[in-house]
Amino acid sequence: MRSISTPDAPKPAGHYSQAIVHAGLVYVAGQLPLDPASGKVVPGGIEAQTERTLRNVEAVLVAAGSDLDRIVSMTIYVTDVTLWPQVNAVYAKVFGDHRPARAVIPVLPLRHEALLEIQAIAAVDTDLPRHTGEHAIPK
């Protein structure tokens, strides 16, 4: 197993890794809509929070030698199900034709008053470099 750490995503606030690579998969810990530099929730409502959270997932994946287009499963925790249409619209914009398996789970309030948290599982080639600098899904 290999632990992943990148400054391009929020630093873990507890005893866990940003991700773990094992047996051809990368398991990304739940990511919040935190700006990696400031550690604060991004302003701009659910759309901005969804975009930031997906980009945090992406940063961890890239550090692991994977990317958004290699995601096989996502779990999205959302604090208010009425926000789901906006979350889904941003998600669809970011992923385009790629449609990983997905679960959406309503939850009680999250840390930092974040409106959502996302965790992911993606395929990874263990012989790839840890960071290619290229992103498979355009920003």
Protein backbone atom coordinates (compact mmCIF):
# COMPACT_ATOMS: atom_id res chain seq x y z
CA MET A 1 0.00 0.00 0.00
CA ARG A 2 1.11 3.54 -0.71
CA SER A 3 -0.13 6.66 1.10
CA ILE A 4 -0.76 9.77 -1.02
CA SER A 5 -0.07 13.33 0.10
CA THR A 6 -0.21 16.46 -2.03
CA PRO A 7 -0.19 20.16 -1.14
CA ASP A 8 -2.65 20.67 -4.03
CA ALA A 9 -5.50 19.37 -1.84
CA PRO A 10 -6.45 20.22 1.74
CA LYS A 11 -4.14 18.76 4.37
CA PRO A 12 -5.79 16.01 6.45
CA ALA A 13 -7.13 17.34 9.73
CA GLY A 14 -6.90 14.01 11.51
CA HIS A 15 -5.24 10.63 11.54
CA TYR A 16 -5.82 9.65 7.90
CA SER A 17 -4.26 9.93 4.44
CA GLN A 18 -5.58 11.94 1.51
CA ALA A 19 -5.64 8.61 -0.33
CA ILE A 20 -4.28 5.09 -0.31
CA VAL A 21 -3.18 3.21 -3.44
CA HIS A 22 -3.56 -0.56 -3.29
CA ALA A 23 -4.03 -3.34 -5.84
CA GLY A 24 -4.60 -1.06 -8.83
CA LEU A 25 -7.06 1.25 -7.09
CA VAL A 26 -6.76 4.58 -5.33
CA TYR A 27 -9.12 5.23 -2.44
CA VAL A 28 -9.58 8.98 -1.94
CA ALA A 29 -10.61 10.10 1.53
CA GLY A 30 -13.62 12.38 1.80
CA GLN A 31 -12.75 15.82 0.45
CA LEU A 32 -14.41 19.04 1.55
CA PRO A 33 -14.71 22.29 -0.45
CA LEU A 34 -11.64 23.75 1.22
CA ASP A 35 -9.16 25.94 -0.57
CA PRO A 36 -5.87 24.02 -0.24
CA ALA A 37 -3.88 27.21 0.46
CA SER A 38 -6.12 28.80 3.09
CA GLY A 39 -7.86 25.74 4.50
CA LYS A 40 -11.15 27.65 4.40
CA VAL A 41 -14.41 26.75 2.64
CA VAL A 42 -14.59 28.50 -0.73
CA PRO A 43 -17.20 31.25 -1.05
CA GLY A 44 -19.92 31.20 -3.68
CA GLY A 45 -22.50 28.64 -2.56
CA ILE A 46 -23.08 25.05 -3.56
CA GLU A 47 -21.86 25.38 -7.16
CA ALA A 48 -18.47 26.76 -6.10
CA GLN A 49 -18.23 24.23 -3.28
CA THR A 50 -18.99 21.34 -5.63
CA GLU A 51 -16.37 22.48 -8.16
CA ARG A 52 -13.72 22.97 -5.46
CA THR A 53 -14.44 19.59 -3.89
CA LEU A 54 -14.16 17.82 -7.25
CA ARG A 55 -10.88 19.64 -7.96
CA ASN A 56 -9.57 18.53 -4.55
CA VAL A 57 -10.46 14.93 -5.44
CA GLU A 58 -8.73 15.46 -8.79
CA ALA A 59 -5.55 16.79 -7.16
CA VAL A 60 -5.29 13.72 -4.95
CA LEU A 61 -5.95 11.42 -7.91
CA VAL A 62 -3.28 13.10 -10.03
CA ALA A 63 -0.77 12.77 -7.18
CA ALA A 64 -1.59 9.06 -7.13
CA GLY A 65 -1.09 8.63 -10.89
CA SER A 66 -4.79 8.62 -11.75
CA ASP A 67 -7.37 11.24 -12.76
CA LEU A 68 -11.09 12.00 -12.80
CA ASP A 69 -11.68 9.92 -15.92
CA ARG A 70 -10.43 6.83 -14.04
CA ILE A 71 -12.99 7.10 -11.21
CA VAL A 72 -15.07 3.95 -10.86
CA SER A 73 -17.20 5.00 -7.88
CA MET A 74 -18.04 8.18 -5.98
CA THR A 75 -19.92 8.86 -2.80
CA ILE A 76 -21.32 12.34 -2.34
CA TYR A 77 -22.50 13.45 1.08
CA VAL A 78 -24.78 16.49 0.89
CA THR A 79 -26.24 18.41 3.84
CA ASP A 80 -29.45 19.42 2.04
CA VAL A 81 -31.05 17.27 -0.66
CA THR A 82 -32.68 20.36 -2.18
CA LEU A 83 -29.15 21.33 -3.31
CA TRP A 84 -28.87 18.16 -5.37
CA PRO A 85 -29.88 19.66 -8.76
CA GLN A 86 -27.06 22.25 -8.52
CA VAL A 87 -24.55 19.62 -7.36
CA ASN A 88 -25.53 17.30 -10.20
CA ALA A 89 -25.25 20.11 -12.79
CA VAL A 90 -21.66 20.94 -11.74
CA TYR A 91 -20.83 17.23 -11.53
CA ALA A 92 -22.14 16.67 -15.08
CA LYS A 93 -20.15 19.68 -16.37
CA VAL A 94 -16.92 18.40 -14.82
CA PHE A 95 -17.37 14.75 -15.86
CA GLY A 96 -18.98 15.15 -19.29
CA ASP A 97 -19.51 11.72 -20.82
CA HIS A 98 -17.76 9.86 -17.97
CA ARG A 99 -20.35 8.38 -15.63
CA PRO A 100 -18.83 6.58 -12.63
CA ALA A 101 -21.03 4.61 -10.27
CA ARG A 102 -22.32 6.99 -7.61
CA ALA A 103 -24.17 7.19 -4.32
CA VAL A 104 -25.67 10.35 -2.83
CA ILE A 105 -26.17 10.36 0.92
CA PRO A 106 -27.93 13.11 2.89
CA VAL A 107 -26.04 13.96 6.08
CA LEU A 108 -26.16 16.25 9.08
CA PRO A 109 -23.97 19.39 9.04
CA LEU A 110 -20.34 18.89 8.06
CA ARG A 111 -17.15 20.45 9.43
CA HIS A 112 -16.45 24.07 8.53
CA GLU A 113 -20.13 24.45 7.50
CA ALA A 114 -19.33 22.72 4.20
CA LEU A 115 -22.39 21.78 2.15
CA LEU A 116 -20.93 18.55 0.73
CA GLU A 117 -18.12 16.03 0.98
CA ILE A 118 -16.97 13.66 -1.76
CA GLN A 119 -14.95 10.46 -1.62
CA ALA A 120 -13.88 8.40 -4.61
CA ILE A 121 -12.36 5.16 -5.80
CA ALA A 122 -10.40 5.19 -9.06
CA ALA A 123 -8.23 2.92 -11.15
CA VAL A 124 -4.52 3.65 -11.04
CA ASP A 125 -1.59 2.23 -12.96
CA THR A 126 1.03 1.55 -10.33
CA ASP A 127 3.81 2.01 -12.90
CA LEU A 128 2.73 5.56 -13.88
CA PRO A 129 4.53 8.61 -12.50
CA ARG A 130 2.88 10.14 -9.47
CA HIS A 131 2.11 13.42 -11.22
CA THR A 132 1.98 13.95 -14.96
CA GLY A 133 0.86 17.59 -14.81
CA GLU A 134 -1.90 16.79 -17.31
CA HIS A 135 -5.59 16.50 -16.52
CA ALA A 136 -7.82 14.17 -18.49
CA ILE A 137 -10.96 16.23 -17.84
CA PRO A 138 -10.69 19.94 -18.75
CA LYS A 139 -11.20 22.61 -16.13
